[in-house]
Amino acid sequence: MRKSLVIFIVVMMIVLGVVWWGMEKGGWFKEKGAQVAEQLDEITRELPLEREKEKLPAKRGLSIKVYKASRATFEDVLPAMGSIKGLITRKLNFETQGIVEEINFREGDLIKKGQLICRLKQREALLKVDYNRAKLKSAMVSLAQTEKKVKLHSALYEIGAINKLKLSEVEAEAGNAKHQVEATQVEIESAQEELKKTEMYAPADCILNERNVEIGELVSPYTPKAVEVVEIDTVFAEVGAVERDVTKVKIGQLSRIYVDAYAELPFDGIVDNIYPSLSEKTRTLPVEIKIDNSRRLLMPGMFSRAEIILFEKPGVISIPKIALKKLEEAYLVFVVDEATNTAQERLIEIGYESTDYVEVTRGLRENDLIAISNIEQLSSGTPVQITEIQIREM
């Protein structure tokens, strides 16, 4: 019993000693107390700040992008792609049989109207012309002689030296001589026409697109497409309109054409022809846009990009469609009041609509800032903050 009591007292003394050492030497409970005190001080400092924040108004509103309204030319264009083609393509053949003797141009060469493209050997045709010319000279000499004879016999008949029958014989001889002259003249014209058939001339200003004959080759009127030329004073861009846009394209619409060779230079054109059906290969509607090519800058085969102008009106206000909010029978937009930085509802009336923009006929003024983002979150009086101002360049 005494031994147990002694052990208990010793243990208690050890425990009390450890506790004393921890409090005095190790800093137990002091550090924890300091941390608690520190946290209390922070809370005390923050409370007035929170109270001040509650008193201040909100400085930031809903972030939005806006579009600045301005008057400009409003265009709606339909883009399309295709290629440049000659307005008229002609397949030229010789009208007579012969051997090619002369070729003056190669594929791609520019040919002026009336220039000789190629020629057949002409020896036989020239001989025929010369022969008939000689015949004509002989016939004209005979005609002159018979005319003198008629004049002489007429004088003899008047004095009764010859009878009427003899005079008639001489007059018939003169008539035959005259007919011989006329027949020979026709033969000369025929020979000259045959000579012309040995030559091939350009029917208009054009380029040689294809040549299928060579010097020394025998050709005939049945030779398929001896030469193909393309007239280029006027050309057209053949482009394809996709099915959903076919009802928008009309003959007479103005267009701008661009080609890679002159990337920044637009060529003015006009819709000249619309095919009656879609192409089975591309499922697009072929449209021909006529272009004046008097400067000879456009060549058949060039890749072309077209802008068909569907609508054009100067001096109007147009805005992006995404700014519109549809009501039952009207449209409204949200215009930013820069004095209060709030969005305000504005009823508007619209006119022409393109894919991305609409014409505003009433309700907006120049320089109005129209919200084009977060439209569904806006209402009249909503505080906003503008993050971006967009301006349409026309």
Protein backbone atom coordinates (compact mmCIF):
# COMPACT_ATOMS: atom_id res chain seq x y z
CA MET A 1 0.00 0.00 0.00
CA ARG A 2 2.69 2.40 0.91
CA LYS A 3 4.65 1.31 -2.12
CA SER A 4 1.70 2.08 -4.47
CA LEU A 5 1.25 5.50 -2.89
CA VAL A 6 4.92 6.30 -3.41
CA ILE A 7 4.71 5.28 -7.09
CA PHE A 8 1.58 7.48 -7.61
CA ILE A 9 3.26 10.48 -6.02
CA VAL A 10 6.38 10.04 -8.20
CA VAL A 11 4.29 9.77 -11.40
CA MET A 12 2.29 12.89 -10.52
CA MET A 13 5.46 14.84 -9.85
CA ILE A 14 6.86 13.79 -13.24
CA VAL A 15 3.63 14.86 -15.03
CA LEU A 16 3.55 18.20 -13.26
CA GLY A 17 7.19 18.75 -14.13
CA VAL A 18 6.62 18.09 -17.81
CA VAL A 19 3.64 20.45 -17.89
CA TRP A 20 5.59 23.19 -16.15
CA TRP A 21 8.50 22.81 -18.56
CA GLY A 22 6.18 22.98 -21.58
CA MET A 23 4.49 26.12 -20.43
CA GLU A 24 7.61 27.95 -19.32
CA LYS A 25 10.27 26.70 -21.72
CA GLY A 26 8.44 25.25 -24.72
CA GLY A 27 5.80 28.03 -25.13
CA TRP A 28 2.82 25.69 -25.00
CA PHE A 29 -0.57 27.47 -25.30
CA LYS A 30 1.16 30.84 -25.93
CA GLU A 31 1.49 30.26 -29.69
CA LYS A 32 -2.08 29.03 -30.02
CA GLY A 33 -3.34 31.96 -28.05
CA ALA A 34 -1.40 34.35 -30.25
CA GLN A 35 -2.89 32.80 -33.40
CA VAL A 36 -6.39 33.12 -32.03
CA ALA A 37 -5.76 36.72 -31.07
CA GLU A 38 -4.39 37.44 -34.54
CA GLN A 39 -7.48 36.00 -36.24
CA LEU A 40 -9.72 38.08 -33.99
CA ASP A 41 -7.80 41.22 -34.95
CA GLU A 42 -8.19 40.43 -38.67
CA ILE A 43 -11.93 39.89 -38.35
CA THR A 44 -12.18 43.14 -36.42
CA ARG A 45 -10.34 45.01 -39.20
CA GLU A 46 -12.40 43.46 -42.01
CA LEU A 47 -15.81 44.24 -40.53
CA PRO A 48 -15.67 48.00 -41.26
CA LEU A 49 -14.48 47.26 -44.82
CA GLU A 50 -17.43 44.96 -45.47
CA ARG A 51 -19.76 47.60 -44.10
CA GLU A 52 -18.18 50.18 -46.47
CA LYS A 53 -18.56 47.83 -49.45
CA GLU A 54 -22.24 47.45 -48.71
CA LYS A 55 -22.61 51.21 -48.90
CA LEU A 56 -20.79 51.57 -52.33
CA PRO A 57 -22.74 51.10 -55.65
CA ALA A 58 -21.62 48.37 -58.12
CA LYS A 59 -18.91 49.67 -60.41
CA ARG A 60 -19.07 46.91 -63.11
CA GLY A 61 -22.06 45.81 -65.19
CA LEU A 62 -22.74 43.04 -67.70
CA SER A 63 -19.89 42.79 -70.21
CA ILE A 64 -21.17 43.26 -73.77
CA LYS A 65 -19.94 43.95 -77.29
CA VAL A 66 -21.60 46.78 -79.20
CA TYR A 67 -21.98 47.84 -82.82
CA LYS A 68 -21.68 51.53 -83.71
CA ALA A 69 -24.43 52.61 -86.12
CA SER A 70 -23.36 54.67 -89.14
CA ARG A 71 -24.73 55.59 -92.56
CA ALA A 72 -23.09 53.84 -95.50
CA THR A 73 -23.90 51.98 -98.69
CA PHE A 74 -25.69 48.77 -97.76
CA GLU A 75 -24.86 45.91 -100.12
CA ASP A 76 -26.00 42.33 -100.18
CA VAL A 77 -23.74 40.23 -102.39
CA LEU A 78 -23.93 36.60 -103.45
CA PRO A 79 -20.47 34.99 -103.74
CA ALA A 80 -19.88 32.42 -106.47
CA MET A 81 -16.93 30.76 -108.18
CA GLY A 82 -16.27 29.66 -111.74
CA SER A 83 -14.00 30.39 -114.69
CA ILE A 84 -13.54 32.90 -117.51
CA LYS A 85 -14.73 31.86 -120.96
CA GLY A 86 -14.73 33.52 -124.35
CA LEU A 87 -18.02 35.02 -125.40
CA ILE A 88 -17.95 33.21 -128.77
CA THR A 89 -15.96 30.11 -129.69
CA ARG A 90 -15.63 29.42 -133.41
CA LYS A 91 -14.50 26.20 -135.09
CA LEU A 92 -12.92 27.04 -138.44
CA ASN A 93 -12.44 24.62 -141.38
CA PHE A 94 -11.19 25.02 -144.94
CA GLU A 95 -13.96 25.02 -147.54
CA THR A 96 -11.92 23.12 -150.10
CA GLN A 97 -9.49 20.25 -150.20
CA GLY A 98 -5.76 20.90 -150.28
CA ILE A 99 -2.37 20.69 -148.59
CA VAL A 100 -1.52 23.12 -145.77
CA GLU A 101 1.29 25.42 -146.89
CA GLU A 102 1.37 28.21 -144.29
CA ILE A 103 0.44 28.57 -140.58
CA ASN A 104 1.01 31.98 -138.97
CA PHE A 105 -0.07 31.51 -135.35
CA ARG A 106 0.28 29.12 -132.42
CA GLU A 107 -2.10 28.29 -129.57
CA GLY A 108 -2.59 31.25 -127.28
CA ASP A 109 -1.58 33.88 -129.85
CA LEU A 110 -3.71 37.01 -130.21
CA ILE A 111 -5.10 37.42 -133.74
CA LYS A 112 -6.56 40.63 -135.11
CA LYS A 113 -9.67 40.61 -137.25
CA GLY A 114 -8.82 39.89 -140.90
CA GLN A 115 -5.35 38.44 -140.25
CA LEU A 116 -4.41 35.30 -142.20
CA ILE A 117 -4.32 32.28 -139.89
CA CYS A 118 -3.27 29.59 -142.39
CA ARG A 119 -3.25 28.86 -146.15
CA LEU A 120 -3.39 25.89 -148.50
CA LYS A 121 -1.25 25.50 -151.61
CA GLN A 122 -2.74 27.83 -154.23
CA ARG A 123 -1.00 26.94 -157.48
CA GLU A 124 -3.99 25.27 -159.16
CA ALA A 125 -6.43 27.91 -157.97
CA LEU A 126 -4.15 30.70 -159.22
CA LEU A 127 -3.76 28.99 -162.60
CA LYS A 128 -7.52 28.76 -162.96
CA VAL A 129 -7.88 32.48 -162.19
CA ASP A 130 -5.18 33.38 -164.69
CA TYR A 131 -6.69 31.13 -167.37
CA ASN A 132 -10.12 32.70 -167.05
CA ARG A 133 -8.65 36.18 -167.10
CA ALA A 134 -6.96 35.33 -170.40
CA LYS A 135 -10.27 34.00 -171.72
CA LEU A 136 -11.91 37.24 -170.71
CA LYS A 137 -9.38 39.30 -172.66
CA SER A 138 -9.99 37.17 -175.76
CA ALA A 139 -13.76 37.40 -175.36
CA MET A 140 -13.59 41.17 -174.98
CA VAL A 141 -11.51 41.47 -178.17
CA SER A 142 -14.09 39.37 -180.04
CA LEU A 143 -16.88 41.49 -178.62
CA ALA A 144 -15.17 44.70 -179.78
CA GLN A 145 -14.75 43.31 -183.30
CA THR A 146 -18.36 42.17 -183.56
CA GLU A 147 -19.61 45.52 -182.30
CA LYS A 148 -17.66 47.27 -185.09
CA LYS A 149 -19.09 44.79 -187.57
CA VAL A 150 -22.62 45.49 -186.40
CA LYS A 151 -22.03 49.23 -186.76
CA LEU A 152 -20.76 48.77 -190.30
CA HIS A 153 -23.61 46.49 -191.40
CA SER A 154 -26.15 48.84 -189.87
CA ALA A 155 -24.82 51.64 -192.12
CA LEU A 156 -24.97 49.34 -195.16
CA TYR A 157 -28.50 48.32 -194.33
CA GLU A 158 -29.59 51.94 -194.09
CA ILE A 159 -28.39 52.63 -197.66
CA GLY A 160 -29.90 49.35 -198.89
CA ALA A 161 -26.60 47.59 -199.60
CA ILE A 162 -27.56 44.55 -197.52
CA ASN A 163 -30.80 42.99 -196.49
CA LYS A 164 -32.30 42.60 -193.03
CA LEU A 165 -31.26 38.93 -192.73
CA LYS A 166 -27.56 39.73 -193.08
CA LEU A 167 -27.80 42.46 -190.44
CA SER A 168 -29.56 40.07 -188.07
CA GLU A 169 -26.77 37.50 -188.50
CA VAL A 170 -24.12 40.08 -187.55
CA GLU A 171 -26.17 41.28 -184.54
CA ALA A 172 -26.53 37.66 -183.31
CA GLU A 173 -22.79 37.20 -183.61
CA ALA A 174 -22.24 40.29 -181.45
CA GLY A 175 -24.74 39.00 -178.88
CA ASN A 176 -22.88 35.73 -178.59
CA ALA A 177 -19.60 37.60 -178.09
CA LYS A 178 -21.20 39.65 -175.31
CA HIS A 179 -22.54 36.53 -173.61
CA GLN A 180 -19.07 34.98 -173.85
CA VAL A 181 -17.59 37.95 -172.01
CA GLU A 182 -20.24 37.72 -169.27
CA ALA A 183 -19.70 33.95 -168.90
CA THR A 184 -15.95 34.42 -168.63
CA GLN A 185 -16.42 37.09 -165.94
CA VAL A 186 -18.52 34.63 -163.94
CA GLU A 187 -15.81 31.98 -164.33
CA ILE A 188 -13.22 34.44 -163.03
CA GLU A 189 -15.36 35.21 -159.99
CA SER A 190 -15.80 31.49 -159.39
CA ALA A 191 -12.05 30.89 -159.65
CA GLN A 192 -11.38 33.76 -157.24
CA GLU A 193 -13.86 32.27 -154.76
CA GLU A 194 -12.06 28.95 -155.01
CA LEU A 195 -8.82 30.79 -154.33
CA LYS A 196 -10.33 32.41 -151.22
CA LYS A 197 -11.26 28.98 -149.91
CA THR A 198 -7.57 28.13 -149.65
CA GLU A 199 -7.11 30.89 -147.03
CA MET A 200 -8.40 31.08 -143.48
CA TYR A 201 -8.80 34.54 -141.91
CA ALA A 202 -9.75 35.63 -138.37
CA PRO A 203 -13.46 36.56 -138.27
CA ALA A 204 -12.87 38.93 -135.31
CA ASP A 205 -10.25 39.84 -132.72
CA CYS A 206 -9.59 36.51 -131.02
CA ILE A 207 -7.02 34.11 -129.64
CA LEU A 208 -6.05 30.79 -131.20
CA ASN A 209 -7.41 28.29 -128.73
CA GLU A 210 -6.71 25.02 -130.56
CA ARG A 211 -5.00 23.96 -133.80
CA ASN A 212 -5.36 20.46 -135.27
CA VAL A 213 -3.47 20.81 -138.58
CA GLU A 214 0.19 21.02 -139.53
CA ILE A 215 2.10 22.20 -142.60
CA GLY A 216 2.07 19.56 -145.33
CA GLU A 217 -1.11 17.91 -144.06
CA LEU A 218 -3.94 17.13 -146.48
CA VAL A 219 -7.21 18.66 -145.29
CA SER A 220 -10.75 18.88 -146.61
CA PRO A 221 -14.05 20.49 -145.59
CA TYR A 222 -14.71 17.35 -143.55
CA THR A 223 -11.59 17.69 -141.39
CA PRO A 224 -13.03 18.15 -137.85
CA LYS A 225 -12.17 21.48 -136.21
CA ALA A 226 -8.99 22.39 -138.07
CA VAL A 227 -8.70 25.55 -135.96
CA GLU A 228 -10.64 26.84 -132.93
CA VAL A 229 -10.58 30.53 -132.03
CA VAL A 230 -12.17 32.40 -129.13
CA GLU A 231 -13.34 36.01 -129.30
CA ILE A 232 -12.09 37.92 -126.24
CA ASP A 233 -13.14 41.57 -126.69
CA THR A 234 -16.04 40.50 -124.53
CA VAL A 235 -15.79 37.50 -122.20
CA PHE A 236 -18.03 36.01 -119.56
CA ALA A 237 -17.51 34.43 -116.16
CA GLU A 238 -19.47 31.22 -115.85
CA VAL A 239 -20.14 30.71 -112.14
CA GLY A 240 -22.36 28.37 -110.14
CA ALA A 241 -25.09 29.50 -107.74
CA VAL A 242 -25.98 26.96 -105.03
CA GLU A 243 -29.53 25.67 -104.93
CA ARG A 244 -30.72 27.76 -101.97
CA ASP A 245 -29.71 30.98 -103.79
CA VAL A 246 -31.11 30.31 -107.28
CA THR A 247 -34.20 32.47 -106.69
CA LYS A 248 -32.01 35.47 -105.78
CA VAL A 249 -30.19 35.69 -109.13
CA LYS A 250 -31.81 37.80 -111.87
CA ILE A 251 -30.69 38.84 -115.36
CA GLY A 252 -29.31 42.38 -115.34
CA GLN A 253 -27.81 42.29 -111.83
CA LEU A 254 -24.44 44.04 -111.53
CA SER A 255 -21.46 41.97 -110.45
CA ARG A 256 -17.79 42.22 -109.55
CA ILE A 257 -15.33 39.63 -110.84
CA TYR A 258 -11.89 38.88 -109.38
CA VAL A 259 -9.11 36.70 -110.83
CA ASP A 260 -5.85 35.61 -109.21
CA ALA A 261 -3.72 37.37 -111.84
CA TYR A 262 -5.12 40.76 -110.69
CA ALA A 263 -6.16 39.96 -107.13
CA GLU A 264 -6.99 43.55 -106.11
CA LEU A 265 -8.60 44.64 -109.40
CA PRO A 266 -12.37 44.10 -109.73
CA PHE A 267 -13.87 43.69 -113.20
CA ASP A 268 -17.41 45.00 -113.61
CA GLY A 269 -19.93 42.63 -115.16
CA ILE A 270 -23.64 42.05 -115.59
CA VAL A 271 -25.66 38.85 -115.33
CA ASP A 272 -26.39 38.05 -118.98
CA ASN A 273 -27.73 34.50 -118.92
CA ILE A 274 -29.12 32.02 -116.38
CA TYR A 275 -29.30 28.37 -117.33
CA PRO A 276 -32.73 26.71 -117.04
CA SER A 277 -31.50 23.77 -114.93
CA LEU A 278 -28.85 22.85 -112.37
CA SER A 279 -25.66 21.09 -113.36
CA GLU A 280 -25.84 17.39 -112.54
CA LYS A 281 -22.14 17.30 -111.64
CA THR A 282 -21.92 20.30 -109.31
CA ARG A 283 -25.60 20.66 -108.29
CA THR A 284 -25.27 24.40 -108.93
CA LEU A 285 -27.08 26.72 -111.35
CA PRO A 286 -24.73 28.00 -114.11
CA VAL A 287 -24.86 31.78 -114.42
CA GLU A 288 -23.07 33.74 -117.16
CA ILE A 289 -21.76 37.20 -116.25
CA LYS A 290 -20.80 39.32 -119.27
CA ILE A 291 -17.59 41.37 -118.92
CA ASP A 292 -16.05 44.01 -121.18
CA ASN A 293 -12.50 42.85 -121.95
CA SER A 294 -11.30 45.62 -124.25
CA ARG A 295 -8.09 45.87 -122.16
CA ARG A 296 -7.43 42.18 -122.94
CA LEU A 297 -6.54 41.38 -119.31
CA LEU A 298 -8.85 38.39 -118.95
CA MET A 299 -8.06 35.13 -120.67
CA PRO A 300 -10.31 32.08 -121.11
CA GLY A 301 -9.65 29.45 -118.47
CA MET A 302 -8.81 31.85 -115.63
CA PHE A 303 -10.32 30.94 -112.24
CA SER A 304 -12.82 33.60 -111.20
CA ARG A 305 -14.57 34.70 -108.02
CA ALA A 306 -17.78 36.63 -108.48
CA GLU A 307 -19.82 38.90 -106.22
CA ILE A 308 -23.34 39.24 -107.62
CA ILE A 309 -24.92 42.38 -106.14
CA LEU A 310 -28.41 41.40 -105.01
CA PHE A 311 -29.20 44.70 -103.27
CA GLU A 312 -27.49 48.09 -103.06
CA LYS A 313 -28.68 51.24 -101.30
CA PRO A 314 -26.51 54.21 -100.28
CA GLY A 315 -26.74 56.23 -97.07
CA VAL A 316 -28.63 53.80 -94.84
CA ILE A 317 -28.10 52.48 -91.32
CA SER A 318 -27.61 48.73 -91.16
CA ILE A 319 -26.91 46.56 -88.11
CA PRO A 320 -26.06 42.89 -87.50
CA LYS A 321 -29.02 40.55 -87.28
CA ILE A 322 -27.75 39.19 -83.95
CA ALA A 323 -28.65 42.54 -82.35
CA LEU A 324 -32.37 42.03 -83.01
CA LYS A 325 -34.88 40.81 -80.47
CA LYS A 326 -38.12 39.67 -82.11
CA LEU A 327 -41.43 40.68 -80.62
CA GLU A 328 -44.83 39.59 -81.91
CA GLU A 329 -45.12 42.29 -84.58
CA ALA A 330 -41.98 44.35 -84.11
CA TYR A 331 -38.26 44.30 -83.42
CA LEU A 332 -36.27 45.90 -80.66
CA VAL A 333 -32.59 46.43 -79.91
CA PHE A 334 -30.69 47.48 -76.80
CA VAL A 335 -28.96 50.85 -77.14
CA VAL A 336 -26.29 51.76 -74.58
CA ASP A 337 -26.87 55.01 -72.69
CA GLU A 338 -23.28 56.20 -72.26
CA ALA A 339 -24.25 58.67 -69.51
CA THR A 340 -25.50 55.93 -67.17
CA ASN A 341 -23.78 52.90 -68.73
CA THR A 342 -27.10 51.09 -68.98
CA ALA A 343 -28.87 49.29 -71.79
CA GLN A 344 -32.15 50.81 -72.98
CA GLU A 345 -34.77 49.10 -75.16
CA ARG A 346 -35.43 50.74 -78.55
CA LEU A 347 -38.18 49.72 -81.00
CA ILE A 348 -37.04 49.82 -84.63
CA GLU A 349 -38.40 49.23 -88.13
CA ILE A 350 -36.38 47.24 -90.64
CA GLY A 351 -36.24 47.05 -94.43
CA TYR A 352 -34.08 44.78 -96.56
CA GLU A 353 -32.53 41.76 -94.85
CA SER A 354 -29.31 40.05 -95.96
CA THR A 355 -27.80 36.94 -94.47
CA ASP A 356 -26.01 38.83 -91.66
CA TYR A 357 -27.33 42.41 -91.68
CA VAL A 358 -30.61 44.30 -91.83
CA GLU A 359 -31.48 47.78 -93.04
CA VAL A 360 -32.94 49.96 -90.26
CA THR A 361 -35.53 52.37 -91.65
CA ARG A 362 -36.63 53.94 -88.34
CA GLY A 363 -35.59 53.98 -84.68
CA LEU A 364 -31.82 54.45 -84.75
CA ARG A 365 -29.45 57.37 -85.19
CA GLU A 366 -25.86 57.57 -86.29
CA ASN A 367 -23.32 56.70 -83.56
CA ASP A 368 -25.86 54.78 -81.46
CA LEU A 369 -24.16 51.86 -79.71
CA ILE A 370 -26.23 48.68 -80.13
CA ALA A 371 -25.60 45.60 -78.01
CA ILE A 372 -24.65 42.53 -80.07
CA SER A 373 -23.78 40.06 -77.29
CA ASN A 374 -25.55 38.69 -74.20
CA ILE A 375 -28.84 39.98 -75.64
CA GLU A 376 -30.94 37.48 -73.67
CA GLN A 377 -29.51 38.75 -70.38
CA LEU A 378 -30.39 42.37 -71.06
CA SER A 379 -33.44 44.35 -70.09
CA SER A 380 -34.12 48.07 -70.02
CA GLY A 381 -31.88 49.63 -67.36
CA THR A 382 -29.38 46.77 -67.07
CA PRO A 383 -25.90 48.11 -66.11
CA VAL A 384 -23.38 47.22 -68.81
CA GLN A 385 -19.69 47.46 -69.49
CA ILE A 386 -18.55 47.76 -73.14
CA THR A 387 -15.68 45.42 -73.96
CA GLU A 388 -15.57 45.95 -77.75
CA ILE A 389 -16.96 48.42 -80.29
CA GLN A 390 -17.45 47.09 -83.84
CA ILE A 391 -17.80 49.26 -86.94
CA ARG A 392 -18.80 47.90 -90.33
CA GLU A 393 -16.53 48.93 -93.17
CA MET A 394 -18.36 49.33 -96.49
